[in-house]
């Protein structure tokens, strides 16, 4: 019994990388397909929140940039993944990290910058995506 406890304490520092990586993944802000020419700024900001950057342009136009992971999952799915990593870590005494960490590295967030130009009427005039 004593050996098992010592082994658990020695393996403890190995635990948690996959859990932490999974917990730090972004959650979905909304469907980027909503960003279409003519869409109203209020509806976009209601769905995606405040933009990452805003700049005033000439002729009353405004340029905004949203940094979004279009493949992000819901908060519930992210929490389920974290719970799965925790359970697997406990059941395998931390050996799950050998599998879980590479899985999380492969599934890292892939952000896309959505550059929107609003006209004076606060409707989207142009959309550009930069990966």
N, C-alpha and C. Protein backbone atom coordinates (compact mmCIF):
# COMPACT_ATOMS: atom_id res chain seq x y z
N UNK A 1 0.83 -1.19 0.00
CA UNK A 1 0.00 0.00 0.00
C UNK A 1 0.87 1.26 0.00
N UNK A 2 1.94 1.22 0.76
CA UNK A 2 2.82 2.37 0.84
C UNK A 2 3.47 2.66 -0.51
N UNK A 3 3.88 1.59 -1.23
CA UNK A 3 4.48 1.76 -2.55
C UNK A 3 3.51 2.43 -3.52
N UNK A 4 2.25 2.04 -3.42
CA UNK A 4 1.24 2.61 -4.32
C UNK A 4 1.08 4.11 -4.06
N UNK A 5 1.07 4.51 -2.79
CA UNK A 5 0.94 5.93 -2.47
C UNK A 5 2.16 6.72 -2.94
N UNK A 6 3.34 6.16 -2.73
CA UNK A 6 4.56 6.83 -3.19
C UNK A 6 4.55 6.97 -4.70
N UNK A 7 4.13 5.91 -5.40
CA UNK A 7 4.06 5.95 -6.86
C UNK A 7 3.07 7.03 -7.32
N UNK A 8 1.92 7.11 -6.65
CA UNK A 8 0.92 8.13 -7.00
C UNK A 8 1.49 9.53 -6.84
N UNK A 9 2.20 9.78 -5.74
CA UNK A 9 2.78 11.10 -5.52
C UNK A 9 3.89 11.42 -6.51
N UNK A 10 4.63 10.39 -6.92
CA UNK A 10 5.68 10.62 -7.91
C UNK A 10 5.10 10.90 -9.30
N UNK A 11 3.96 10.30 -9.60
CA UNK A 11 3.32 10.50 -10.91
C UNK A 11 2.45 11.76 -10.95
N UNK A 12 2.15 12.32 -9.79
CA UNK A 12 1.27 13.48 -9.72
C UNK A 12 1.72 14.66 -10.58
N UNK A 13 3.02 14.99 -10.63
CA UNK A 13 3.43 16.12 -11.50
C UNK A 13 3.17 15.89 -12.98
N UNK A 14 3.05 14.63 -13.38
CA UNK A 14 2.79 14.35 -14.79
C UNK A 14 1.34 14.62 -15.17
N UNK A 15 0.47 14.66 -14.19
CA UNK A 15 -0.96 14.81 -14.43
C UNK A 15 -1.32 16.27 -14.68
N UNK A 16 -2.29 16.49 -15.50
CA UNK A 16 -2.86 17.81 -15.63
C UNK A 16 -2.59 18.57 -16.91
N UNK A 17 -1.61 18.17 -17.71
CA UNK A 17 -1.33 18.93 -18.92
C UNK A 17 -2.52 18.89 -19.87
N UNK A 18 -3.04 17.71 -20.15
CA UNK A 18 -4.18 17.59 -21.06
C UNK A 18 -5.41 18.27 -20.47
N UNK A 19 -5.56 18.17 -19.14
CA UNK A 19 -6.69 18.80 -18.47
C UNK A 19 -6.60 20.32 -18.63
N UNK A 20 -5.44 20.88 -18.36
CA UNK A 20 -5.26 22.33 -18.46
C UNK A 20 -5.42 22.82 -19.90
N UNK A 21 -4.87 22.06 -20.84
CA UNK A 21 -4.99 22.45 -22.25
C UNK A 21 -6.44 22.43 -22.70
N UNK A 22 -7.17 21.41 -22.28
CA UNK A 22 -8.58 21.29 -22.65
C UNK A 22 -9.40 22.42 -22.01
N UNK A 23 -9.09 22.75 -20.77
CA UNK A 23 -9.83 23.80 -20.06
C UNK A 23 -9.57 25.18 -20.66
N UNK A 24 -8.40 25.38 -21.27
CA UNK A 24 -8.07 26.70 -21.80
C UNK A 24 -8.55 26.92 -23.24
N UNK A 25 -9.17 25.91 -23.85
CA UNK A 25 -9.66 26.07 -25.22
C UNK A 25 -10.82 27.05 -25.25
N UNK A 26 -10.94 27.76 -26.35
CA UNK A 26 -12.01 28.76 -26.46
C UNK A 26 -13.36 28.08 -26.68
N UNK A 27 -14.41 28.78 -26.26
CA UNK A 27 -15.76 28.28 -26.50
C UNK A 27 -16.37 29.08 -27.63
N UNK A 28 -17.35 28.51 -28.25
CA UNK A 28 -18.00 29.13 -29.40
C UNK A 28 -18.66 30.45 -29.01
N UNK A 29 -18.42 31.48 -29.80
CA UNK A 29 -19.06 32.78 -29.59
C UNK A 29 -20.33 32.90 -30.42
N UNK A 30 -20.41 32.13 -31.47
CA UNK A 30 -21.55 32.22 -32.37
C UNK A 30 -21.17 31.66 -33.73
N UNK A 31 -22.10 31.67 -34.62
CA UNK A 31 -21.88 31.12 -35.96
C UNK A 31 -21.33 32.22 -36.87
N UNK A 32 -20.08 32.05 -37.35
CA UNK A 32 -19.51 33.08 -38.24
C UNK A 32 -20.31 33.29 -39.52
N UNK A 33 -21.19 32.35 -39.88
CA UNK A 33 -22.02 32.52 -41.07
C UNK A 33 -22.98 33.70 -40.91
N UNK A 34 -23.18 34.17 -39.68
CA UNK A 34 -24.04 35.33 -39.44
C UNK A 34 -23.42 36.60 -40.02
N UNK A 35 -22.09 36.58 -40.17
CA UNK A 35 -21.39 37.76 -40.68
C UNK A 35 -21.55 37.81 -42.19
N UNK A 36 -22.58 38.51 -42.63
CA UNK A 36 -22.87 38.65 -44.05
C UNK A 36 -23.04 40.12 -44.38
N UNK A 37 -22.74 40.47 -45.61
CA UNK A 37 -22.92 41.85 -46.05
C UNK A 37 -24.38 42.25 -45.81
N UNK A 38 -24.55 43.40 -45.17
CA UNK A 38 -25.89 43.89 -44.86
C UNK A 38 -26.35 43.58 -43.45
N UNK A 39 -25.61 42.73 -42.73
CA UNK A 39 -26.01 42.39 -41.36
C UNK A 39 -25.82 43.60 -40.45
N UNK A 40 -26.70 43.74 -39.48
CA UNK A 40 -26.69 44.88 -38.57
C UNK A 40 -25.63 44.69 -37.48
N UNK A 41 -24.93 45.76 -37.17
CA UNK A 41 -23.85 45.72 -36.17
C UNK A 41 -24.36 45.27 -34.80
N UNK A 42 -25.53 45.72 -34.40
CA UNK A 42 -26.08 45.36 -33.09
C UNK A 42 -26.28 43.85 -32.97
N UNK A 43 -26.73 43.23 -34.03
CA UNK A 43 -26.95 41.77 -34.01
C UNK A 43 -25.61 41.04 -33.94
N UNK A 44 -24.62 41.52 -34.68
CA UNK A 44 -23.29 40.89 -34.64
C UNK A 44 -22.69 41.00 -33.25
N UNK A 45 -22.75 42.18 -32.65
CA UNK A 45 -22.16 42.37 -31.33
C UNK A 45 -22.94 41.64 -30.25
N UNK A 46 -24.23 41.46 -30.45
CA UNK A 46 -25.03 40.69 -29.50
C UNK A 46 -24.58 39.23 -29.50
N UNK A 47 -24.26 38.72 -30.67
CA UNK A 47 -23.85 37.32 -30.80
C UNK A 47 -22.39 37.10 -30.42
N UNK A 48 -21.50 37.97 -30.88
CA UNK A 48 -20.05 37.76 -30.71
C UNK A 48 -19.41 38.60 -29.62
N UNK A 49 -20.15 39.52 -29.05
CA UNK A 49 -19.59 40.39 -28.03
C UNK A 49 -18.81 41.53 -28.68
N UNK A 50 -18.05 42.22 -27.86
CA UNK A 50 -17.26 43.34 -28.36
C UNK A 50 -16.13 42.82 -29.25
N UNK A 51 -15.80 43.54 -30.31
CA UNK A 51 -14.71 43.11 -31.18
C UNK A 51 -13.36 43.23 -30.49
N UNK A 52 -12.36 42.53 -31.03
CA UNK A 52 -11.01 42.60 -30.49
C UNK A 52 -10.34 43.94 -30.80
N UNK A 53 -10.75 44.58 -31.91
CA UNK A 53 -10.18 45.86 -32.30
C UNK A 53 -11.24 46.67 -33.05
N UNK A 54 -11.25 47.96 -32.82
CA UNK A 54 -12.16 48.87 -33.52
C UNK A 54 -11.37 50.09 -33.98
N UNK A 55 -11.62 50.53 -35.21
CA UNK A 55 -10.96 51.72 -35.74
C UNK A 55 -11.95 52.51 -36.58
N UNK A 56 -11.92 53.81 -36.43
CA UNK A 56 -12.78 54.68 -37.24
C UNK A 56 -12.09 54.94 -38.58
N UNK A 57 -12.87 54.89 -39.64
CA UNK A 57 -12.38 55.17 -40.98
C UNK A 57 -13.06 56.44 -41.49
N UNK A 58 -12.67 56.88 -42.69
CA UNK A 58 -13.28 58.07 -43.27
C UNK A 58 -14.71 57.77 -43.72
N UNK A 59 -15.46 58.80 -43.96
CA UNK A 59 -16.85 58.73 -44.45
C UNK A 59 -17.78 58.01 -43.47
N UNK A 60 -17.47 58.06 -42.17
CA UNK A 60 -18.34 57.46 -41.16
C UNK A 60 -18.28 55.95 -41.07
N UNK A 61 -17.30 55.34 -41.73
CA UNK A 61 -17.17 53.89 -41.68
C UNK A 61 -16.38 53.47 -40.45
N UNK A 62 -16.58 52.22 -40.04
CA UNK A 62 -15.87 51.66 -38.90
C UNK A 62 -15.32 50.30 -39.27
N UNK A 63 -14.05 50.05 -38.89
CA UNK A 63 -13.42 48.75 -39.13
C UNK A 63 -13.32 48.03 -37.79
N UNK A 64 -13.80 46.79 -37.75
CA UNK A 64 -13.69 45.98 -36.54
C UNK A 64 -13.06 44.65 -36.89
N UNK A 65 -12.37 44.06 -35.92
CA UNK A 65 -11.77 42.75 -36.11
C UNK A 65 -12.19 41.84 -34.97
N UNK A 66 -12.69 40.67 -35.33
CA UNK A 66 -13.03 39.62 -34.38
C UNK A 66 -12.04 38.48 -34.57
N UNK A 67 -11.48 37.99 -33.49
CA UNK A 67 -10.60 36.81 -33.52
C UNK A 67 -11.42 35.65 -32.99
N UNK A 68 -11.78 34.73 -33.89
CA UNK A 68 -12.73 33.67 -33.55
C UNK A 68 -12.20 32.33 -34.04
N UNK A 69 -12.45 31.29 -33.26
CA UNK A 69 -12.21 29.92 -33.70
C UNK A 69 -13.53 29.40 -34.25
N UNK A 70 -13.67 29.29 -35.57
CA UNK A 70 -14.95 28.87 -36.14
C UNK A 70 -15.32 27.44 -35.78
N UNK A 71 -14.35 26.64 -35.34
CA UNK A 71 -14.62 25.25 -34.98
C UNK A 71 -14.75 25.05 -33.47
N UNK A 72 -14.84 26.12 -32.70
CA UNK A 72 -14.93 26.01 -31.24
C UNK A 72 -16.23 25.31 -30.84
N UNK A 73 -16.14 24.60 -29.74
CA UNK A 73 -17.31 23.87 -29.23
C UNK A 73 -18.00 24.69 -28.14
N UNK A 74 -19.15 24.21 -27.73
CA UNK A 74 -19.88 24.88 -26.67
C UNK A 74 -19.15 24.71 -25.34
N UNK A 75 -19.51 25.52 -24.36
CA UNK A 75 -18.89 25.42 -23.04
C UNK A 75 -19.16 24.04 -22.43
N UNK A 76 -20.34 23.49 -22.67
CA UNK A 76 -20.67 22.16 -22.14
C UNK A 76 -19.77 21.08 -22.72
N UNK A 77 -19.50 21.15 -24.02
CA UNK A 77 -18.61 20.16 -24.65
C UNK A 77 -17.19 20.29 -24.12
N UNK A 78 -16.74 21.53 -23.93
CA UNK A 78 -15.40 21.73 -23.38
C UNK A 78 -15.31 21.18 -21.96
N UNK A 79 -16.34 21.43 -21.14
CA UNK A 79 -16.34 20.94 -19.77
C UNK A 79 -16.39 19.42 -19.72
N UNK A 80 -17.11 18.81 -20.66
CA UNK A 80 -17.16 17.34 -20.72
C UNK A 80 -15.78 16.77 -21.07
N UNK A 81 -15.06 17.44 -21.97
CA UNK A 81 -13.71 16.99 -22.33
C UNK A 81 -12.77 17.09 -21.14
N UNK A 82 -12.88 18.17 -20.38
CA UNK A 82 -12.05 18.35 -19.18
C UNK A 82 -12.35 17.23 -18.19
N UNK A 83 -13.64 16.96 -17.96
CA UNK A 83 -14.02 15.90 -17.03
C UNK A 83 -13.51 14.53 -17.51
N UNK A 84 -13.57 14.30 -18.80
CA UNK A 84 -13.06 13.04 -19.35
C UNK A 84 -11.56 12.87 -19.12
N UNK A 85 -10.80 13.97 -19.30
CA UNK A 85 -9.37 13.92 -19.05
C UNK A 85 -9.08 13.66 -17.56
N UNK A 86 -9.85 14.28 -16.67
CA UNK A 86 -9.64 14.09 -15.24
C UNK A 86 -9.90 12.64 -14.85
N UNK A 87 -11.01 12.10 -15.32
CA UNK A 87 -11.35 10.71 -15.00
C UNK A 87 -10.29 9.76 -15.56
N UNK A 88 -9.87 9.98 -16.79
CA UNK A 88 -8.85 9.11 -17.39
C UNK A 88 -7.53 9.22 -16.64
N UNK A 89 -7.17 10.42 -16.19
CA UNK A 89 -5.94 10.60 -15.40
C UNK A 89 -6.01 9.82 -14.10
N UNK A 90 -7.15 9.91 -13.42
CA UNK A 90 -7.30 9.22 -12.13
C UNK A 90 -7.26 7.71 -12.32
N UNK A 91 -8.01 7.23 -13.31
CA UNK A 91 -8.09 5.78 -13.52
C UNK A 91 -6.77 5.17 -13.98
N UNK A 92 -5.95 5.94 -14.66
CA UNK A 92 -4.67 5.40 -15.16
C UNK A 92 -3.48 5.91 -14.36
N UNK A 93 -3.76 6.54 -13.21
CA UNK A 93 -2.70 7.10 -12.35
C UNK A 93 -1.78 8.05 -13.12
N UNK A 94 -2.35 8.83 -14.01
CA UNK A 94 -1.59 9.84 -14.74
C UNK A 94 -1.05 9.38 -16.08
N UNK A 95 -1.14 8.11 -16.38
CA UNK A 95 -0.60 7.61 -17.65
C UNK A 95 -1.40 8.11 -18.85
N UNK A 96 -2.62 8.57 -18.62
CA UNK A 96 -3.44 9.10 -19.71
C UNK A 96 -2.77 10.29 -20.39
N UNK A 97 -1.91 10.99 -19.66
CA UNK A 97 -1.25 12.17 -20.23
C UNK A 97 -0.42 11.82 -21.46
N UNK A 98 0.09 10.60 -21.52
CA UNK A 98 0.87 10.17 -22.68
C UNK A 98 0.02 10.21 -23.95
N UNK A 99 -1.27 9.94 -23.80
CA UNK A 99 -2.21 9.97 -24.92
C UNK A 99 -2.94 11.32 -25.00
N UNK A 100 -3.39 11.82 -23.85
CA UNK A 100 -4.23 13.01 -23.82
C UNK A 100 -3.54 14.29 -24.26
N UNK A 101 -2.28 14.46 -23.87
CA UNK A 101 -1.57 15.68 -24.24
C UNK A 101 -1.37 15.80 -25.74
N UNK A 102 -0.90 14.75 -26.44
CA UNK A 102 -0.81 14.87 -27.90
C UNK A 102 -2.18 15.10 -28.56
N UNK A 103 -3.24 14.50 -28.01
CA UNK A 103 -4.58 14.73 -28.56
C UNK A 103 -4.96 16.21 -28.44
N UNK A 104 -4.69 16.80 -27.29
CA UNK A 104 -5.00 18.22 -27.10
C UNK A 104 -4.12 19.12 -27.96
N UNK A 105 -2.86 18.74 -28.15
CA UNK A 105 -1.99 19.52 -29.03
C UNK A 105 -2.52 19.52 -30.46
N UNK A 106 -3.04 18.38 -30.90
CA UNK A 106 -3.57 18.27 -32.26
C UNK A 106 -4.88 19.05 -32.42
N UNK A 107 -5.57 19.25 -31.32
CA UNK A 107 -6.88 19.91 -31.39
C UNK A 107 -6.84 21.35 -30.91
N UNK A 108 -5.68 21.99 -30.95
CA UNK A 108 -5.57 23.37 -30.49
C UNK A 108 -6.47 24.30 -31.30
N UNK A 109 -6.82 25.42 -30.68
CA UNK A 109 -7.65 26.42 -31.36
C UNK A 109 -6.96 26.93 -32.62
N UNK A 110 -7.75 27.06 -33.68
CA UNK A 110 -7.27 27.61 -34.94
C UNK A 110 -8.08 28.87 -35.22
N UNK A 111 -7.51 30.00 -34.81
CA UNK A 111 -8.23 31.26 -34.90
C UNK A 111 -8.24 31.82 -36.31
N UNK A 112 -9.33 32.51 -36.63
CA UNK A 112 -9.47 33.25 -37.87
C UNK A 112 -9.84 34.68 -37.50
N UNK A 113 -9.19 35.63 -38.14
CA UNK A 113 -9.54 37.04 -37.94
C UNK A 113 -10.61 37.43 -38.96
N UNK A 114 -11.72 37.93 -38.46
CA UNK A 114 -12.79 38.41 -39.32
C UNK A 114 -12.74 39.94 -39.30
N UNK A 115 -12.40 40.53 -40.44
CA UNK A 115 -12.29 41.98 -40.57
C UNK A 115 -13.58 42.48 -41.22
N UNK A 116 -14.34 43.26 -40.47
CA UNK A 116 -15.63 43.77 -40.95
C UNK A 116 -15.54 45.28 -41.10
N UNK A 117 -16.08 45.79 -42.18
CA UNK A 117 -16.20 47.23 -42.39
C UNK A 117 -17.68 47.58 -42.34
N UNK A 118 -18.04 48.41 -41.36
CA UNK A 118 -19.42 48.88 -41.24
C UNK A 118 -19.55 50.24 -41.91
N UNK A 119 -20.65 50.44 -42.58
CA UNK A 119 -20.95 51.73 -43.17
C UNK A 119 -21.51 52.66 -42.12
N UNK A 120 -21.83 53.89 -42.53
CA UNK A 120 -22.40 54.86 -41.57
C UNK A 120 -23.73 54.40 -40.99
N UNK A 121 -24.41 53.49 -41.70
CA UNK A 121 -25.69 52.97 -41.23
C UNK A 121 -25.53 51.76 -40.30
N UNK A 122 -24.28 51.43 -39.90
CA UNK A 122 -23.96 50.30 -39.03
C UNK A 122 -24.36 48.95 -39.63
N UNK A 123 -24.28 48.86 -40.93
CA UNK A 123 -24.49 47.58 -41.64
C UNK A 123 -23.15 47.16 -42.23
N UNK A 124 -22.91 45.85 -42.27
CA UNK A 124 -21.64 45.35 -42.81
C UNK A 124 -21.57 45.64 -44.30
N UNK A 125 -20.48 46.29 -44.73
CA UNK A 125 -20.28 46.56 -46.15
C UNK A 125 -19.31 45.54 -46.76
N UNK A 126 -18.23 45.22 -46.04
CA UNK A 126 -17.27 44.23 -46.55
C UNK A 126 -16.82 43.30 -45.42
N UNK A 127 -16.45 42.10 -45.81
CA UNK A 127 -15.96 41.08 -44.88
C UNK A 127 -14.69 40.48 -45.47
N UNK A 128 -13.69 40.34 -44.62
CA UNK A 128 -12.44 39.69 -45.04
C UNK A 128 -12.03 38.73 -43.93
N UNK A 129 -11.62 37.53 -44.30
CA UNK A 129 -11.12 36.59 -43.31
C UNK A 129 -9.63 36.38 -43.50
N UNK A 130 -8.91 36.39 -42.40
CA UNK A 130 -7.47 36.19 -42.41
C UNK A 130 -7.15 35.07 -41.42
N UNK A 131 -6.56 34.01 -41.94
CA UNK A 131 -6.23 32.87 -41.05
C UNK A 131 -4.83 32.97 -40.55
